[in-house]
Amino acid sequence: MFILIETLSVREAREQLPTVLERFRQGDRTPVGVGSHRKTEAAMVSVEVFDELTAEQNQSSAQAAASVRAEGLAVSSAAEAIMHQWARGELSTARMRELIRQLHAA
């Protein structure tokens, strides 16, 4: 799914931060991008949205591990560590998949 978000320059983000925070306090869930030359390099989201995204990632990791166990297999500690890094936001989804593939190719 692709979401088009408003992107602010760093200067605009500094100036509009109080307004953006107030929007989040009022329940606005729309992400706000920040970047140079209108190219989004980061996104600000409310803590509520962040918590939901993190919970979804944790749930996805747990479901993947449960699926493996349901097939009578075990999730290695190395794969579990990679999935936990992903769930904490330390790895992109693409990087997590790459590391898991490398792990199982060996």
C-alpha atoms as a PDB file:
ATOM      1  CA  MET A   1       0.000   0.000   0.000  1.00  0.00           C
ATOM      2  CA  PHE A   2       1.315   3.426  -0.953  1.00  0.00           C
ATOM      3  CA  ILE A   3       0.453   6.484   1.121  1.00  0.00           C
ATOM      4  CA  LEU A   4       1.119   9.947  -0.234  1.00  0.00           C
ATOM      5  CA  ILE A   5       2.301  12.145   2.620  1.00  0.00           C
ATOM      6  CA  GLU A   6       3.049  15.814   2.943  1.00  0.00           C
ATOM      7  CA  THR A   7       6.801  16.392   3.015  1.00  0.00           C
ATOM      8  CA  LEU A   8       8.288  19.393   4.767  1.00  0.00           C
ATOM      9  CA  SER A   9      11.775  20.765   4.375  1.00  0.00           C
ATOM     10  CA  VAL A  10      13.922  20.657   7.514  1.00  0.00           C
ATOM     11  CA  ARG A  11      13.321  24.383   8.001  1.00  0.00           C
ATOM     12  CA  GLU A  12       9.559  23.963   7.624  1.00  0.00           C
ATOM     13  CA  ALA A  13       9.564  20.995   9.980  1.00  0.00           C
ATOM     14  CA  ARG A  14      11.326  23.087  12.637  1.00  0.00           C
ATOM     15  CA  GLU A  15       8.847  25.895  12.198  1.00  0.00           C
ATOM     16  CA  GLN A  16       5.766  23.666  12.058  1.00  0.00           C
ATOM     17  CA  LEU A  17       6.704  21.128  14.736  1.00  0.00           C
ATOM     18  CA  PRO A  18       4.360  22.625  17.369  1.00  0.00           C
ATOM     19  CA  THR A  19       1.498  22.505  14.844  1.00  0.00           C
ATOM     20  CA  VAL A  20       2.295  18.924  13.837  1.00  0.00           C
ATOM     21  CA  LEU A  21       2.408  17.842  17.487  1.00  0.00           C
ATOM     22  CA  GLU A  22      -0.938  19.519  18.124  1.00  0.00           C
ATOM     23  CA  ARG A  23      -2.426  17.661  15.150  1.00  0.00           C
ATOM     24  CA  PHE A  24      -1.188  14.382  16.639  1.00  0.00           C
ATOM     25  CA  ARG A  25      -2.617  15.333  20.053  1.00  0.00           C
ATOM     26  CA  GLN A  26      -5.975  15.955  18.371  1.00  0.00           C
ATOM     27  CA  GLY A  27      -5.953  12.439  16.908  1.00  0.00           C
ATOM     28  CA  ASP A  28      -4.616  13.117  13.407  1.00  0.00           C
ATOM     29  CA  ARG A  29      -2.899   9.902  12.315  1.00  0.00           C
ATOM     30  CA  THR A  30      -1.506  11.251   9.045  1.00  0.00           C
ATOM     31  CA  PRO A  31       2.291  10.880   8.816  1.00  0.00           C
ATOM     32  CA  VAL A  32       4.343  13.981   8.030  1.00  0.00           C
ATOM     33  CA  GLY A  33       7.477  13.591   5.949  1.00  0.00           C
ATOM     34  CA  VAL A  34      10.710  15.517   6.371  1.00  0.00           C
ATOM     35  CA  GLY A  35      13.441  15.784   3.795  1.00  0.00           C
ATOM     36  CA  SER A  36      15.602  17.863   1.546  1.00  0.00           C
ATOM     37  CA  HIS A  37      14.289  19.095  -1.785  1.00  0.00           C
ATOM     38  CA  ARG A  38      10.812  17.649  -1.023  1.00  0.00           C
ATOM     39  CA  LYS A  39      12.236  14.115  -1.067  1.00  0.00           C
ATOM     40  CA  THR A  40      10.906  12.309   1.983  1.00  0.00           C
ATOM     41  CA  GLU A  41      13.808  11.001   4.064  1.00  0.00           C
ATOM     42  CA  ALA A  42      12.023  10.508   7.389  1.00  0.00           C
ATOM     43  CA  ALA A  43       8.472  10.397   8.650  1.00  0.00           C
ATOM     44  CA  MET A  44       6.913  11.707  11.816  1.00  0.00           C
ATOM     45  CA  VAL A  45       3.959   9.751  13.173  1.00  0.00           C
ATOM     46  CA  SER A  46       2.034   9.951  16.399  1.00  0.00           C
ATOM     47  CA  VAL A  47       3.238   7.678  19.172  1.00  0.00           C
ATOM     48  CA  GLU A  48      -0.102   5.857  18.884  1.00  0.00           C
ATOM     49  CA  VAL A  49       0.606   4.997  15.238  1.00  0.00           C
ATOM     50  CA  PHE A  50       4.206   4.056  16.074  1.00  0.00           C
ATOM     51  CA  ASP A  51       3.045   1.719  18.865  1.00  0.00           C
ATOM     52  CA  GLU A  52       0.534   0.077  16.515  1.00  0.00           C
ATOM     53  CA  LEU A  53       3.166  -0.452  13.826  1.00  0.00           C
ATOM     54  CA  THR A  54       5.593  -1.926  16.348  1.00  0.00           C
ATOM     55  CA  ALA A  55       2.894  -4.236  17.716  1.00  0.00           C
ATOM     56  CA  GLU A  56       2.075  -5.393  14.173  1.00  0.00           C
ATOM     57  CA  GLN A  57       5.729  -6.200  13.544  1.00  0.00           C
ATOM     58  CA  ASN A  58       5.956  -8.151  16.802  1.00  0.00           C
ATOM     59  CA  GLN A  59       2.781 -10.042  15.909  1.00  0.00           C
ATOM     60  CA  SER A  60       4.149 -10.828  12.435  1.00  0.00           C
ATOM     61  CA  SER A  61       7.335 -12.234  13.968  1.00  0.00           C
ATOM     62  CA  ALA A  62       5.354 -14.367  16.406  1.00  0.00           C
ATOM     63  CA  GLN A  63       3.076 -15.653  13.623  1.00  0.00           C
ATOM     64  CA  ALA A  64       6.069 -16.549  11.448  1.00  0.00           C
ATOM     65  CA  ALA A  65       7.672 -18.478  14.314  1.00  0.00           C
ATOM     66  CA  ALA A  66       4.357 -20.238  15.081  1.00  0.00           C
ATOM     67  CA  SER A  67       3.993 -21.222  11.414  1.00  0.00           C
ATOM     68  CA  VAL A  68       7.449 -22.780  11.425  1.00  0.00           C
ATOM     69  CA  ARG A  69       6.699 -24.667  14.658  1.00  0.00           C
ATOM     70  CA  ALA A  70       3.339 -25.850  13.235  1.00  0.00           C
ATOM     71  CA  GLU A  71       5.295 -27.565  10.471  1.00  0.00           C
ATOM     72  CA  GLY A  72       7.287 -29.435  13.108  1.00  0.00           C
ATOM     73  CA  LEU A  73      10.388 -27.316  12.676  1.00  0.00           C
ATOM     74  CA  ALA A  74      12.247 -25.050  15.069  1.00  0.00           C
ATOM     75  CA  VAL A  75      13.212 -21.417  14.636  1.00  0.00           C
ATOM     76  CA  SER A  76      16.941 -21.019  15.138  1.00  0.00           C
ATOM     77  CA  SER A  77      18.189 -18.545  17.706  1.00  0.00           C
ATOM     78  CA  ALA A  78      19.962 -16.674  14.891  1.00  0.00           C
ATOM     79  CA  ALA A  79      16.701 -16.323  12.918  1.00  0.00           C
ATOM     80  CA  GLU A  80      14.863 -15.262  16.074  1.00  0.00           C
ATOM     81  CA  ALA A  81      17.496 -12.589  16.750  1.00  0.00           C
ATOM     82  CA  ILE A  82      17.099 -11.246  13.201  1.00  0.00           C
ATOM     83  CA  MET A  83      13.313 -11.147  13.538  1.00  0.00           C
ATOM     84  CA  HIS A  84      13.583  -9.312  16.867  1.00  0.00           C
ATOM     85  CA  GLN A  85      15.889  -6.728  15.284  1.00  0.00           C
ATOM     86  CA  TRP A  86      13.319  -6.217  12.535  1.00  0.00           C
ATOM     87  CA  ALA A  87      10.452  -5.945  15.038  1.00  0.00           C
ATOM     88  CA  ARG A  88      12.371  -3.250  16.945  1.00  0.00           C
ATOM     89  CA  GLY A  89      12.858  -1.301  13.727  1.00  0.00           C
ATOM     90  CA  GLU A  90      16.593  -1.908  13.581  1.00  0.00           C
ATOM     91  CA  LEU A  91      16.360  -3.645  10.188  1.00  0.00           C
ATOM     92  CA  SER A  92      14.292  -2.901   7.125  1.00  0.00           C
ATOM     93  CA  THR A  93      11.988  -5.640   5.901  1.00  0.00           C
ATOM     94  CA  ALA A  94      14.196  -6.132   2.840  1.00  0.00           C
ATOM     95  CA  ARG A  95      17.333  -6.468   4.989  1.00  0.00           C
ATOM     96  CA  MET A  96      15.597  -8.885   7.386  1.00  0.00           C
ATOM     97  CA  ARG A  97      14.528 -11.103   4.478  1.00  0.00           C
ATOM     98  CA  GLU A  98      18.031 -10.980   3.012  1.00  0.00           C
ATOM     99  CA  LEU A  99      19.612 -12.046   6.317  1.00  0.00           C
ATOM    100  CA  ILE A 100      17.108 -14.878   6.820  1.00  0.00           C
ATOM    101  CA  ARG A 101      17.760 -16.136   3.272  1.00  0.00           C
ATOM    102  CA  GLN A 102      21.521 -15.999   3.858  1.00  0.00           C
ATOM    103  CA  LEU A 103      21.096 -17.852   7.117  1.00  0.00           C
ATOM    104  CA  HIS A 104      19.196 -20.683   5.459  1.00  0.00           C
ATOM    105  CA  ALA A 105      21.406 -20.805   2.373  1.00  0.00           C
ATOM    106  CA  ALA A 106      24.425 -21.740   4.460  1.00  0.00           C
END
